[in-house]
Amino acid sequence: MFPSLENLTVEQMLHKQLEFKQKLGQAIGAGMSPQVIDQIQTMIDFLNTEIRTKSEIEKLEEARKQAIEEDKDDGDGVSLDIGS
């Protein structure tokens, strides 16, 4: 039921979301069954979650890249001070 979104960019997912919103409007206008409308709404909600997740991951990756470029990255983000 759910399309593979792994290889899509955030912009492409936003476009897909717009398509589903248009389909939702058409389904409501055509008087389709509540089950069909619920399925389309579920897809929109799923896309919302994926868009937020991918956006946050991209932000973290960009911050990590910037930290590496500025030579401030400590490797894994965890620092242990074991004394001298």
C-alpha atoms as a PDB file:
ATOM      1  CA  MET A   1       0.000   0.000   0.000  1.00  0.00           C
ATOM      2  CA  PHE A   2       2.741   2.454   0.913  1.00  0.00           C
ATOM      3  CA  PRO A   3       5.127   3.482  -1.847  1.00  0.00           C
ATOM      4  CA  SER A   4       8.867   3.219  -1.373  1.00  0.00           C
ATOM      5  CA  LEU A   5      10.067   6.648  -0.307  1.00  0.00           C
ATOM      6  CA  GLU A   6      13.693   5.813   0.464  1.00  0.00           C
ATOM      7  CA  ASN A   7      15.065   7.208  -2.788  1.00  0.00           C
ATOM      8  CA  LEU A   8      12.871  10.314  -2.912  1.00  0.00           C
ATOM      9  CA  THR A   9      14.032  13.765  -1.886  1.00  0.00           C
ATOM     10  CA  VAL A  10      11.986  15.893   0.497  1.00  0.00           C
ATOM     11  CA  GLU A  11      10.858  17.976  -2.472  1.00  0.00           C
ATOM     12  CA  GLN A  12       9.670  14.871  -4.328  1.00  0.00           C
ATOM     13  CA  MET A  13       7.802  13.685  -1.238  1.00  0.00           C
ATOM     14  CA  LEU A  14       6.136  17.096  -0.933  1.00  0.00           C
ATOM     15  CA  HIS A  15       5.013  16.734  -4.554  1.00  0.00           C
ATOM     16  CA  LYS A  16       3.598  13.260  -3.796  1.00  0.00           C
ATOM     17  CA  GLN A  17       1.809  14.701  -0.772  1.00  0.00           C
ATOM     18  CA  LEU A  18       0.221  17.363  -2.970  1.00  0.00           C
ATOM     19  CA  GLU A  19      -0.922  14.667  -5.404  1.00  0.00           C
ATOM     20  CA  PHE A  20      -2.564  12.723  -2.566  1.00  0.00           C
ATOM     21  CA  LYS A  21      -4.258  15.855  -1.259  1.00  0.00           C
ATOM     22  CA  GLN A  22      -5.711  16.441  -4.724  1.00  0.00           C
ATOM     23  CA  LYS A  23      -6.879  12.821  -4.854  1.00  0.00           C
ATOM     24  CA  LEU A  24      -8.443  13.248  -1.420  1.00  0.00           C
ATOM     25  CA  GLY A  25     -10.406  16.259  -2.643  1.00  0.00           C
ATOM     26  CA  GLN A  26     -11.537  14.318  -5.703  1.00  0.00           C
ATOM     27  CA  ALA A  27     -12.561  11.327  -3.604  1.00  0.00           C
ATOM     28  CA  ILE A  28     -14.578  13.494  -1.230  1.00  0.00           C
ATOM     29  CA  GLY A  29     -16.167  15.341  -4.157  1.00  0.00           C
ATOM     30  CA  ALA A  30     -17.079  12.065  -5.856  1.00  0.00           C
ATOM     31  CA  GLY A  31     -18.714  10.771  -2.674  1.00  0.00           C
ATOM     32  CA  MET A  32     -16.392   7.800  -2.352  1.00  0.00           C
ATOM     33  CA  SER A  33     -16.668   5.510   0.642  1.00  0.00           C
ATOM     34  CA  PRO A  34     -15.194   6.579   3.984  1.00  0.00           C
ATOM     35  CA  GLN A  35     -12.746   3.659   3.798  1.00  0.00           C
ATOM     36  CA  VAL A  36     -11.210   5.003   0.567  1.00  0.00           C
ATOM     37  CA  ILE A  37     -11.028   8.510   2.003  1.00  0.00           C
ATOM     38  CA  ASP A  38      -9.407   7.150   5.175  1.00  0.00           C
ATOM     39  CA  GLN A  39      -6.803   5.275   3.103  1.00  0.00           C
ATOM     40  CA  ILE A  40      -5.854   8.408   1.215  1.00  0.00           C
ATOM     41  CA  GLN A  41      -5.674  10.382   4.467  1.00  0.00           C
ATOM     42  CA  THR A  42      -3.464   7.663   5.937  1.00  0.00           C
ATOM     43  CA  MET A  43      -1.087   8.056   2.990  1.00  0.00           C
ATOM     44  CA  ILE A  44      -0.972  11.815   3.536  1.00  0.00           C
ATOM     45  CA  ASP A  45      -0.212  11.295   7.232  1.00  0.00           C
ATOM     46  CA  PHE A  46       2.462   8.724   6.366  1.00  0.00           C
ATOM     47  CA  LEU A  47       4.087  11.181   3.953  1.00  0.00           C
ATOM     48  CA  ASN A  48       3.997  13.917   6.623  1.00  0.00           C
ATOM     49  CA  THR A  49       5.908  11.667   8.988  1.00  0.00           C
ATOM     50  CA  GLU A  50       8.436  10.666   6.337  1.00  0.00           C
ATOM     51  CA  ILE A  51       8.977  14.285   5.265  1.00  0.00           C
ATOM     52  CA  ARG A  52       9.627  15.397   8.846  1.00  0.00           C
ATOM     53  CA  THR A  53      11.943  12.467   9.491  1.00  0.00           C
ATOM     54  CA  LYS A  54      13.952  12.945   6.318  1.00  0.00           C
ATOM     55  CA  SER A  55      14.196  16.702   6.908  1.00  0.00           C
ATOM     56  CA  GLU A  56      15.585  16.162  10.405  1.00  0.00           C
ATOM     57  CA  ILE A  57      18.049  13.555   9.174  1.00  0.00           C
ATOM     58  CA  GLU A  58      19.250  15.929   6.457  1.00  0.00           C
ATOM     59  CA  LYS A  59      19.699  18.714   9.035  1.00  0.00           C
ATOM     60  CA  LEU A  60      21.723  16.418  11.298  1.00  0.00           C
ATOM     61  CA  GLU A  61      23.870  15.219   8.406  1.00  0.00           C
ATOM     62  CA  GLU A  62      24.526  18.809   7.313  1.00  0.00           C
ATOM     63  CA  ALA A  63      25.470  19.834  10.865  1.00  0.00           C
ATOM     64  CA  ARG A  64      27.778  16.826  11.115  1.00  0.00           C
ATOM     65  CA  LYS A  65      29.388  17.681   7.764  1.00  0.00           C
ATOM     66  CA  GLN A  66      29.916  21.246   8.878  1.00  0.00           C
ATOM     67  CA  ALA A  67      31.436  20.108  12.167  1.00  0.00           C
ATOM     68  CA  ILE A  68      33.836  17.837  10.286  1.00  0.00           C
ATOM     69  CA  GLU A  69      34.818  20.668   7.947  1.00  0.00           C
ATOM     70  CA  GLU A  70      35.466  22.906  10.955  1.00  0.00           C
ATOM     71  CA  ASP A  71      37.385  20.050  12.594  1.00  0.00           C
ATOM     72  CA  LYS A  72      35.053  20.049  15.585  1.00  0.00           C
ATOM     73  CA  ASP A  73      33.697  16.545  15.143  1.00  0.00           C
ATOM     74  CA  ASP A  74      34.729  14.067  17.808  1.00  0.00           C
ATOM     75  CA  GLY A  75      33.728  11.010  15.813  1.00  0.00           C
ATOM     76  CA  ASP A  76      30.487   9.745  17.238  1.00  0.00           C
ATOM     77  CA  GLY A  77      29.146  12.637  19.275  1.00  0.00           C
ATOM     78  CA  VAL A  78      30.018  10.904  22.551  1.00  0.00           C
ATOM     79  CA  SER A  79      32.944  12.095  24.608  1.00  0.00           C
ATOM     80  CA  LEU A  80      34.381  10.136  27.513  1.00  0.00           C
ATOM     81  CA  ASP A  81      36.876  11.679  29.889  1.00  0.00           C
ATOM     82  CA  ILE A  82      38.703   8.768  31.486  1.00  0.00           C
ATOM     83  CA  GLY A  83      41.306  10.871  33.239  1.00  0.00           C
ATOM     84  CA  SER A  84      45.024  11.043  32.747  1.00  0.00           C
END
